[in-house]
Amino acid sequence: MPKYIFVYLGGDYPTDAVQGKQHFEEYQRWLDSLGRAVISPAVPFKDTHTVQRGKAALPGSTTMMSGLSILELPSMKEAIKAAESCPFLKINGVLEISEMIEMSGDPSTGHKPN
């Protein structure tokens, strides 16, 4: 079954502790509703740096990417349906969904042998 990466972009995270707790609980219920489809529930990012050829690494992101989740679902249609019910959208966040491609080669590294 295909795996999909859900990339979280932006979002107006609650600054109030009570609202933050409510949002987290709603997000947890959303993950729970997806059941076994959830491979990696939430991988938040911090201390992001941007590295470009010939330039110094700079703190920050050029994409406002704040985290990711990985889900295993039957189709992109089902992935979009799951994303449309994500509470991250309620805080003005955006989700990008991509089907992950399995690379052939050494399964321990993902690289082809020399």
Protein backbone atom coordinates (compact mmCIF):
# COMPACT_ATOMS: atom_id res chain seq x y z
CA MET A 1 0.00 0.00 0.00
CA PRO A 2 1.36 3.48 -0.80
CA LYS A 3 2.83 5.70 1.90
CA TYR A 4 2.14 9.43 1.95
CA ILE A 5 4.08 12.19 3.61
CA PHE A 6 2.01 15.02 5.07
CA VAL A 7 4.14 18.16 5.37
CA TYR A 8 2.87 20.86 7.74
CA LEU A 9 3.44 24.44 6.55
CA GLY A 10 2.85 27.59 8.57
CA GLY A 11 0.00 27.69 11.03
CA ASP A 12 -0.97 30.11 13.77
CA TYR A 13 -0.10 28.02 16.80
CA PRO A 14 -2.13 28.82 19.91
CA THR A 15 -0.25 31.03 22.37
CA ASP A 16 -2.71 30.40 25.19
CA ALA A 17 -1.91 27.22 27.14
CA VAL A 18 -5.55 26.11 27.31
CA GLN A 19 -6.09 26.61 23.58
CA GLY A 20 -2.79 24.83 22.89
CA LYS A 21 -3.90 21.85 24.95
CA GLN A 22 -7.28 21.78 23.17
CA HIS A 23 -5.61 21.90 19.75
CA PHE A 24 -3.20 19.11 20.70
CA GLU A 25 -6.08 16.95 21.95
CA GLU A 26 -8.03 17.56 18.73
CA TYR A 27 -4.95 16.66 16.70
CA GLN A 28 -4.51 13.48 18.76
CA ARG A 29 -8.17 12.50 18.13
CA TRP A 30 -7.59 13.05 14.40
CA LEU A 31 -4.56 10.73 14.48
CA ASP A 32 -6.50 8.15 16.50
CA SER A 33 -9.32 8.26 13.93
CA LEU A 34 -6.84 7.27 11.21
CA GLY A 35 -5.94 4.08 13.10
CA ARG A 36 -3.35 1.79 11.53
CA ALA A 37 -2.84 4.15 8.58
CA VAL A 38 -0.54 6.22 10.79
CA ILE A 39 3.08 5.12 10.33
CA SER A 40 4.76 8.15 11.92
CA PRO A 41 2.21 10.33 13.70
CA ALA A 42 4.07 13.60 14.12
CA VAL A 43 7.62 14.74 13.58
CA PRO A 44 7.82 18.40 14.58
CA PHE A 45 10.86 20.41 13.49
CA LYS A 46 12.92 22.90 15.48
CA ASP A 47 16.11 24.89 14.93
CA THR A 48 15.77 24.75 11.14
CA HIS A 49 18.64 26.07 9.02
CA THR A 50 18.76 26.67 5.28
CA VAL A 51 21.89 25.56 3.42
CA GLN A 52 22.56 26.73 -0.13
CA ARG A 53 25.55 26.13 -2.35
CA GLY A 54 28.15 28.88 -2.02
CA LYS A 55 26.31 30.64 0.82
CA ALA A 56 26.52 30.52 4.59
CA ALA A 57 23.94 28.38 6.36
CA LEU A 58 21.23 30.64 7.74
CA PRO A 59 18.79 30.02 10.57
CA GLY A 60 15.20 29.62 9.49
CA SER A 61 13.18 27.97 6.78
CA THR A 62 12.39 29.14 3.27
CA THR A 63 9.18 27.07 3.24
CA MET A 64 7.74 27.54 6.75
CA MET A 65 7.79 23.73 7.09
CA SER A 66 7.08 22.87 10.71
CA GLY A 67 6.78 19.08 10.70
CA LEU A 68 5.56 15.96 8.98
CA SER A 69 3.52 12.80 9.38
CA ILE A 70 3.65 9.57 7.36
CA LEU A 71 0.49 7.63 6.60
CA GLU A 72 -0.14 4.44 4.65
CA LEU A 73 -3.36 4.75 2.67
CA PRO A 74 -4.85 3.08 -0.42
CA SER A 75 -4.74 6.14 -2.69
CA MET A 76 -4.02 9.86 -3.02
CA LYS A 77 -7.80 10.37 -2.88
CA GLU A 78 -7.86 8.80 0.60
CA ALA A 79 -4.79 10.82 1.64
CA ILE A 80 -6.51 14.06 0.60
CA LYS A 81 -9.66 13.02 2.47
CA ALA A 82 -7.59 12.43 5.64
CA ALA A 83 -5.82 15.78 5.22
CA GLU A 84 -9.09 17.67 4.78
CA SER A 85 -10.14 16.65 8.30
CA CYS A 86 -6.81 17.58 9.94
CA PRO A 87 -7.16 20.18 12.72
CA PHE A 88 -3.94 21.86 11.55
CA LEU A 89 -6.06 23.50 8.85
CA LYS A 90 -8.16 25.18 11.58
CA ILE A 91 -5.12 27.17 12.73
CA ASN A 92 -4.43 28.45 9.20
CA GLY A 93 -1.87 25.77 8.46
CA VAL A 94 -1.40 24.22 5.04
CA LEU A 95 -0.72 20.56 4.31
CA GLU A 96 1.26 19.30 1.33
CA ILE A 97 0.82 15.62 0.56
CA SER A 98 3.20 13.55 -1.54
CA GLU A 99 3.27 9.86 -2.29
CA MET A 100 6.58 8.42 -1.15
CA ILE A 101 8.54 6.43 -3.71
CA GLU A 102 10.37 3.32 -2.56
CA MET A 103 13.97 3.35 -3.82
CA SER A 104 15.59 0.09 -4.88
CA GLY A 105 19.02 -0.91 -3.70
CA ASP A 106 20.48 -1.71 -0.31
CA PRO A 107 17.50 -1.68 2.09
CA SER A 108 19.71 -0.58 4.99
CA THR A 109 20.86 2.58 3.22
CA GLY A 110 18.46 3.09 0.34
CA HIS A 111 21.46 3.43 -1.98
CA LYS A 112 22.35 1.31 -4.97
CA PRO A 113 25.53 -0.73 -4.53
CA ASN A 114 28.67 0.53 -6.32
